């Protein structure tokens, strides 16, 4: 994914992508077990490539 294709995702969209609840996303963030969001004003968003990297790492961990 090129930098120009990067998207910022809301917590709701991230929850849909990883098939977890919004509450569980925030729990994982607090435990530092999930990518940290970026702040834009009062909003928090995730960079799409960070979420893809997280999912790729989970797949690799499962394979070993």
PDB file of N, CA and C in Angstrom:
ATOM      1  N   UNK A   1       0.840  -1.178   0.000  1.00  0.00           N
ATOM      2  CA  UNK A   1       0.000   0.000   0.000  1.00  0.00           C
ATOM      3  C   UNK A   1       0.882   1.237   0.000  1.00  0.00           C
ATOM      4  N   UNK A   2       0.660   2.122  -0.932  1.00  0.00           N
ATOM      5  CA  UNK A   2       1.434   3.346  -1.024  1.00  0.00           C
ATOM      6  C   UNK A   2       0.922   4.368  -0.029  1.00  0.00           C
ATOM      7  N   UNK A   3       1.787   5.317   0.326  1.00  0.00           N
ATOM      8  CA  UNK A   3       1.409   6.347   1.288  1.00  0.00           C
ATOM      9  C   UNK A   3       0.171   7.110   0.815  1.00  0.00           C
ATOM     10  N   UNK A   4       0.038   7.294  -0.497  1.00  0.00           N
ATOM     11  CA  UNK A   4      -1.115   8.027  -1.011  1.00  0.00           C
ATOM     12  C   UNK A   4      -2.417   7.249  -0.819  1.00  0.00           C
ATOM     13  N   UNK A   5      -2.317   5.933  -0.591  1.00  0.00           N
ATOM     14  CA  UNK A   5      -3.492   5.103  -0.381  1.00  0.00           C
ATOM     15  C   UNK A   5      -3.839   4.941   1.094  1.00  0.00           C
ATOM     16  N   UNK A   6      -3.045   5.493   1.973  1.00  0.00           N
ATOM     17  CA  UNK A   6      -3.292   5.387   3.407  1.00  0.00           C
ATOM     18  C   UNK A   6      -4.623   6.024   3.750  1.00  0.00           C
ATOM     19  N   UNK A   7      -5.332   5.375   4.647  1.00  0.00           N
ATOM     20  CA  UNK A   7      -6.595   5.922   5.117  1.00  0.00           C
ATOM     21  C   UNK A   7      -6.570   5.971   6.628  1.00  0.00           C
ATOM     22  N   UNK A   8      -7.324   6.894   7.180  1.00  0.00           N
ATOM     23  CA  UNK A   8      -7.501   6.979   8.617  1.00  0.00           C
ATOM     24  C   UNK A   8      -8.850   6.366   8.945  1.00  0.00           C
ATOM     25  N   UNK A   9      -8.840   5.441   9.896  1.00  0.00           N
ATOM     26  CA  UNK A   9     -10.034   4.673  10.216  1.00  0.00           C
ATOM     27  C   UNK A   9     -10.555   4.996  11.608  1.00  0.00           C
ATOM     28  N   UNK A  10     -11.853   5.068  11.735  1.00  0.00           N
ATOM     29  CA  UNK A  10     -12.486   5.286  13.043  1.00  0.00           C
ATOM     30  C   UNK A  10     -12.444   3.994  13.848  1.00  0.00           C
ATOM     31  N   UNK A  11     -12.688   4.101  15.135  1.00  0.00           N
ATOM     32  CA  UNK A  11     -12.696   2.918  15.990  1.00  0.00           C
ATOM     33  C   UNK A  11     -13.796   1.950  15.545  1.00  0.00           C
ATOM     34  N   UNK A  12     -14.909   2.475  15.090  1.00  0.00           N
ATOM     35  CA  UNK A  12     -15.995   1.613  14.623  1.00  0.00           C
ATOM     36  C   UNK A  12     -15.564   0.811  13.400  1.00  0.00           C
ATOM     37  N   UNK A  13     -14.889   1.455  12.455  1.00  0.00           N
ATOM     38  CA  UNK A  13     -14.420   0.766  11.256  1.00  0.00           C
ATOM     39  C   UNK A  13     -13.343  -0.255  11.610  1.00  0.00           C
ATOM     40  N   UNK A  14     -12.436   0.101  12.505  1.00  0.00           N
ATOM     41  CA  UNK A  14     -11.389  -0.827  12.935  1.00  0.00           C
ATOM     42  C   UNK A  14     -12.021  -2.056  13.590  1.00  0.00           C
ATOM     43  N   UNK A  15     -13.012  -1.831  14.428  1.00  0.00           N
ATOM     44  CA  UNK A  15     -13.704  -2.940  15.092  1.00  0.00           C
ATOM     45  C   UNK A  15     -14.341  -3.871  14.070  1.00  0.00           C
ATOM     46  N   UNK A  16     -14.919  -3.302  13.023  1.00  0.00           N
ATOM     47  CA  UNK A  16     -15.508  -4.120  11.958  1.00  0.00           C
ATOM     48  C   UNK A  16     -14.441  -4.938  11.238  1.00  0.00           C
ATOM     49  N   UNK A  17     -13.313  -4.316  10.947  1.00  0.00           N
ATOM     50  CA  UNK A  17     -12.234  -4.988  10.210  1.00  0.00           C
ATOM     51  C   UNK A  17     -11.687  -6.173  10.987  1.00  0.00           C
ATOM     52  N   UNK A  18     -11.442  -5.975  12.286  1.00  0.00           N
ATOM     53  CA  UNK A  18     -10.831  -7.052  13.083  1.00  0.00           C
ATOM     54  C   UNK A  18     -11.872  -7.917  13.789  1.00  0.00           C
ATOM     55  N   UNK A  19     -13.140  -7.615  13.585  1.00  0.00           N
ATOM     56  CA  UNK A  19     -14.252  -8.386  14.137  1.00  0.00           C
ATOM     57  C   UNK A  19     -14.207  -8.465  15.665  1.00  0.00           C
ATOM     58  N   UNK A  20     -14.030  -7.301  16.274  1.00  0.00           N
ATOM     59  CA  UNK A  20     -14.068  -7.156  17.726  1.00  0.00           C
ATOM     60  C   UNK A  20     -15.020  -6.013  18.049  1.00  0.00           C
ATOM     61  N   UNK A  21     -15.403  -5.921  19.312  1.00  0.00           N
ATOM     62  CA  UNK A  21     -16.248  -4.799  19.719  1.00  0.00           C
ATOM     63  C   UNK A  21     -15.389  -3.544  19.879  1.00  0.00           C
ATOM     64  N   UNK A  22     -16.046  -2.410  19.826  1.00  0.00           N
ATOM     65  CA  UNK A  22     -15.352  -1.136  20.048  1.00  0.00           C
ATOM     66  C   UNK A  22     -14.713  -1.145  21.433  1.00  0.00           C
ATOM     67  N   UNK A  23     -15.435  -1.650  22.407  1.00  0.00           N
ATOM     68  CA  UNK A  23     -14.914  -1.708  23.777  1.00  0.00           C
ATOM     69  C   UNK A  23     -13.638  -2.554  23.848  1.00  0.00           C
ATOM     70  N   UNK A  24     -13.629  -3.687  23.143  1.00  0.00           N
ATOM     71  CA  UNK A  24     -12.450  -4.551  23.150  1.00  0.00           C
ATOM     72  C   UNK A  24     -11.254  -3.878  22.470  1.00  0.00           C
ATOM     73  N   UNK A  25     -11.505  -3.108  21.435  1.00  0.00           N
ATOM     74  CA  UNK A  25     -10.415  -2.356  20.785  1.00  0.00           C
ATOM     75  C   UNK A  25      -9.769  -1.432  21.814  1.00  0.00           C
ATOM     76  N   UNK A  26     -10.590  -0.684  22.558  1.00  0.00           N
ATOM     77  CA  UNK A  26     -10.037   0.253  23.548  1.00  0.00           C
ATOM     78  C   UNK A  26      -9.299  -0.490  24.668  1.00  0.00           C
ATOM     79  N   UNK A  27      -9.781  -1.652  25.054  1.00  0.00           N
ATOM     80  CA  UNK A  27      -9.076  -2.450  26.065  1.00  0.00           C
ATOM     81  C   UNK A  27      -7.701  -2.874  25.558  1.00  0.00           C
ATOM     82  N   UNK A  28      -7.635  -3.320  24.318  1.00  0.00           N
ATOM     83  CA  UNK A  28      -6.347  -3.734  23.739  1.00  0.00           C
ATOM     84  C   UNK A  28      -5.401  -2.546  23.596  1.00  0.00           C
ATOM     85  N   UNK A  29      -5.933  -1.397  23.222  1.00  0.00           N
ATOM     86  CA  UNK A  29      -5.103  -0.183  23.118  1.00  0.00           C
ATOM     87  C   UNK A  29      -4.535   0.159  24.492  1.00  0.00           C
ATOM     88  N   UNK A  30      -5.379   0.123  25.525  1.00  0.00           N
ATOM     89  CA  UNK A  30      -4.928   0.442  26.888  1.00  0.00           C
ATOM     90  C   UNK A  30      -3.866  -0.535  27.369  1.00  0.00           C
ATOM     91  N   UNK A  31      -3.977  -1.789  26.959  1.00  0.00           N
ATOM     92  CA  UNK A  31      -3.001  -2.815  27.347  1.00  0.00           C
ATOM     93  C   UNK A  31      -1.777  -2.803  26.432  1.00  0.00           C
ATOM     94  N   UNK A  32      -1.753  -1.901  25.476  1.00  0.00           N
ATOM     95  CA  UNK A  32      -0.684  -1.776  24.489  1.00  0.00           C
ATOM     96  C   UNK A  32      -0.486  -3.070  23.707  1.00  0.00           C
ATOM     97  N   UNK A  33      -1.596  -3.731  23.405  1.00  0.00           N
ATOM     98  CA  UNK A  33      -1.583  -4.954  22.605  1.00  0.00           C
ATOM     99  C   UNK A  33      -2.169  -4.716  21.220  1.00  0.00           C
ATOM    100  N   UNK A  34      -2.438  -3.464  20.901  1.00  0.00           N
ATOM    101  CA  UNK A  34      -3.060  -3.093  19.634  1.00  0.00           C
ATOM    102  C   UNK A  34      -2.413  -1.784  19.196  1.00  0.00           C
ATOM    103  N   UNK A  35      -2.345  -1.531  17.888  1.00  0.00           N
ATOM    104  CA  UNK A  35      -1.742  -0.271  17.433  1.00  0.00           C
ATOM    105  C   UNK A  35      -2.401   0.950  18.082  1.00  0.00           C
ATOM    106  N   UNK A  36      -1.599   1.911  18.406  1.00  0.00           N
ATOM    107  CA  UNK A  36      -2.096   3.131  19.020  1.00  0.00           C
ATOM    108  C   UNK A  36      -2.691   4.057  17.947  1.00  0.00           C
ATOM    109  N   UNK A  37      -3.776   4.715  18.264  1.00  0.00           N
ATOM    110  CA  UNK A  37      -4.372   5.646  17.294  1.00  0.00           C
ATOM    111  C   UNK A  37      -3.584   6.954  17.246  1.00  0.00           C
ATOM    112  N   UNK A  38      -3.803   7.699  16.175  1.00  0.00           N
ATOM    113  CA  UNK A  38      -3.256   9.050  16.076  1.00  0.00           C
ATOM    114  C   UNK A  38      -4.361  10.016  16.467  1.00  0.00           C
ATOM    115  N   UNK A  39      -3.972  11.147  17.034  1.00  0.00           N
ATOM    116  CA  UNK A  39      -4.959  12.155  17.430  1.00  0.00           C
ATOM    117  C   UNK A  39      -5.052  13.217  16.339  1.00  0.00           C
ATOM    118  N   UNK A  40      -6.273  13.563  16.030  1.00  0.00           N
ATOM    119  CA  UNK A  40      -6.544  14.667  15.112  1.00  0.00           C
ATOM    120  C   UNK A  40      -7.591  15.511  15.820  1.00  0.00           C
ATOM    121  N   UNK A  41      -7.133  16.563  16.468  1.00  0.00           N
ATOM    122  CA  UNK A  41      -8.032  17.332  17.319  1.00  0.00           C
ATOM    123  C   UNK A  41      -8.472  16.444  18.474  1.00  0.00           C
ATOM    124  N   UNK A  42      -9.768  16.289  18.657  1.00  0.00           N
ATOM    125  CA  UNK A  42     -10.290  15.423  19.709  1.00  0.00           C
ATOM    126  C   UNK A  42     -10.518  13.995  19.224  1.00  0.00           C
ATOM    127  N   UNK A  43     -10.443  13.814  17.924  1.00  0.00           N
ATOM    128  CA  UNK A  43     -10.703  12.499  17.336  1.00  0.00           C
ATOM    129  C   UNK A  43      -9.454  11.622  17.399  1.00  0.00           C
ATOM    130  N   UNK A  44      -9.690  10.320  17.444  1.00  0.00           N
ATOM    131  CA  UNK A  44      -8.603   9.345  17.348  1.00  0.00           C
ATOM    132  C   UNK A  44      -8.892   8.459  16.154  1.00  0.00           C
ATOM    133  N   UNK A  45      -7.872   8.243  15.348  1.00  0.00           N
ATOM    134  CA  UNK A  45      -8.007   7.440  14.146  1.00  0.00           C
ATOM    135  C   UNK A  45      -6.794   6.519  14.018  1.00  0.00           C
ATOM    136  N   UNK A  46      -6.999   5.417  13.311  1.00  0.00           N
ATOM    137  CA  UNK A  46      -5.916   4.468  13.062  1.00  0.00           C
ATOM    138  C   UNK A  46      -5.511   4.555  11.605  1.00  0.00           C
ATOM    139  N   UNK A  47      -4.204   4.451  11.371  1.00  0.00           N
ATOM    140  CA  UNK A  47      -3.680   4.412  10.016  1.00  0.00           C
ATOM    141  C   UNK A  47      -3.940   2.998   9.484  1.00  0.00           C
ATOM    142  N   UNK A  48      -4.527   2.912   8.313  1.00  0.00           N
ATOM    143  CA  UNK A  48      -4.927   1.615   7.763  1.00  0.00           C
ATOM    144  C   UNK A  48      -3.769   0.627   7.677  1.00  0.00           C
ATOM    145  N   UNK A  49      -2.577   1.095   7.359  1.00  0.00           N
ATOM    146  CA  UNK A  49      -1.431   0.179   7.252  1.00  0.00           C
ATOM    147  C   UNK A  49      -1.033  -0.387   8.621  1.00  0.00           C
ATOM    148  N   UNK A  50      -1.261   0.365   9.689  1.00  0.00           N
ATOM    149  CA  UNK A  50      -0.972  -0.155  11.035  1.00  0.00           C
ATOM    150  C   UNK A  50      -1.890  -1.333  11.363  1.00  0.00           C
ATOM    151  N   UNK A  51      -3.148  -1.236  10.955  1.00  0.00           N
ATOM    152  CA  UNK A  51      -4.094  -2.320  11.207  1.00  0.00           C
ATOM    153  C   UNK A  51      -3.730  -3.534  10.362  1.00  0.00           C
ATOM    154  N   UNK A  52      -3.345  -3.306   9.108  1.00  0.00           N
ATOM    155  CA  UNK A  52      -2.949  -4.424   8.249  1.00  0.00           C
ATOM    156  C   UNK A  52      -1.697  -5.111   8.791  1.00  0.00           C
ATOM    157  N   UNK A  53      -0.746  -4.354   9.282  1.00  0.00           N
ATOM    158  CA  UNK A  53       0.463  -4.926   9.878  1.00  0.00           C
ATOM    159  C   UNK A  53       0.116  -5.745  11.110  1.00  0.00           C
ATOM    160  N   UNK A  54      -0.785  -5.255  11.930  1.00  0.00           N
ATOM    161  CA  UNK A  54      -1.243  -5.979  13.117  1.00  0.00           C
ATOM    162  C   UNK A  54      -1.837  -7.329  12.720  1.00  0.00           C
ATOM    163  N   UNK A  55      -2.699  -7.325  11.720  1.00  0.00           N
ATOM    164  CA  UNK A  55      -3.326  -8.572  11.257  1.00  0.00           C
ATOM    165  C   UNK A  55      -2.292  -9.524  10.658  1.00  0.00           C
ATOM    166  N   UNK A  56      -1.349  -8.988   9.912  1.00  0.00           N
ATOM    167  CA  UNK A  56      -0.281  -9.821   9.330  1.00  0.00           C
ATOM    168  C   UNK A  56       0.555 -10.471  10.420  1.00  0.00           C
ATOM    169  N   UNK A  57       0.846  -9.726  11.488  1.00  0.00           N
ATOM    170  CA  UNK A  57       1.618 -10.269  12.601  1.00  0.00           C
ATOM    171  C   UNK A  57       0.851 -11.373  13.321  1.00  0.00           C
ATOM    172  N   UNK A  58      -0.453 -11.208  13.458  1.00  0.00           N
ATOM    173  CA  UNK A  58      -1.270 -12.269  14.073  1.00  0.00           C
ATOM    174  C   UNK A  58      -1.215 -13.548  13.231  1.00  0.00           C
ATOM    175  N   UNK A  59      -1.282 -13.393  11.914  1.00  0.00           N
ATOM    176  CA  UNK A  59      -1.213 -14.562  11.028  1.00  0.00           C
ATOM    177  C   UNK A  59       0.132 -15.264  11.166  1.00  0.00           C
ATOM    178  N   UNK A  60       1.209 -14.464  11.202  1.00  0.00           N
ATOM    179  CA  UNK A  60       2.555 -15.051  11.339  1.00  0.00           C
ATOM    180  C   UNK A  60       2.707 -15.769  12.665  1.00  0.00           C
ATOM    181  N   UNK A  61       2.188 -15.194  13.728  1.00  0.00           N
ATOM    182  CA  UNK A  61       2.287 -15.808  15.058  1.00  0.00           C
ATOM    183  C   UNK A  61       1.514 -17.119  15.104  1.00  0.00           C
ATOM    184  N   UNK A  62       0.403 -17.177  14.416  1.00  0.00           N
ATOM    185  CA  UNK A  62      -0.404 -18.391  14.380  1.00  0.00           C
ATOM    186  C   UNK A  62       0.299 -19.492  13.614  1.00  0.00           C
ATOM    187  N   UNK A  63       1.056 -19.121  12.582  1.00  0.00           N
ATOM    188  CA  UNK A  63       1.732 -20.085  11.712  1.00  0.00           C
ATOM    189  C   UNK A  63       2.952 -20.720  12.376  1.00  0.00           C
ATOM    190  N   UNK A  64       3.470 -20.079  13.417  1.00  0.00           N
ATOM    191  CA  UNK A  64       4.682 -20.627  14.046  1.00  0.00           C
ATOM    192  C   UNK A  64       4.355 -21.497  15.229  1.00  0.00           C
TER     193      UNK A  64
END
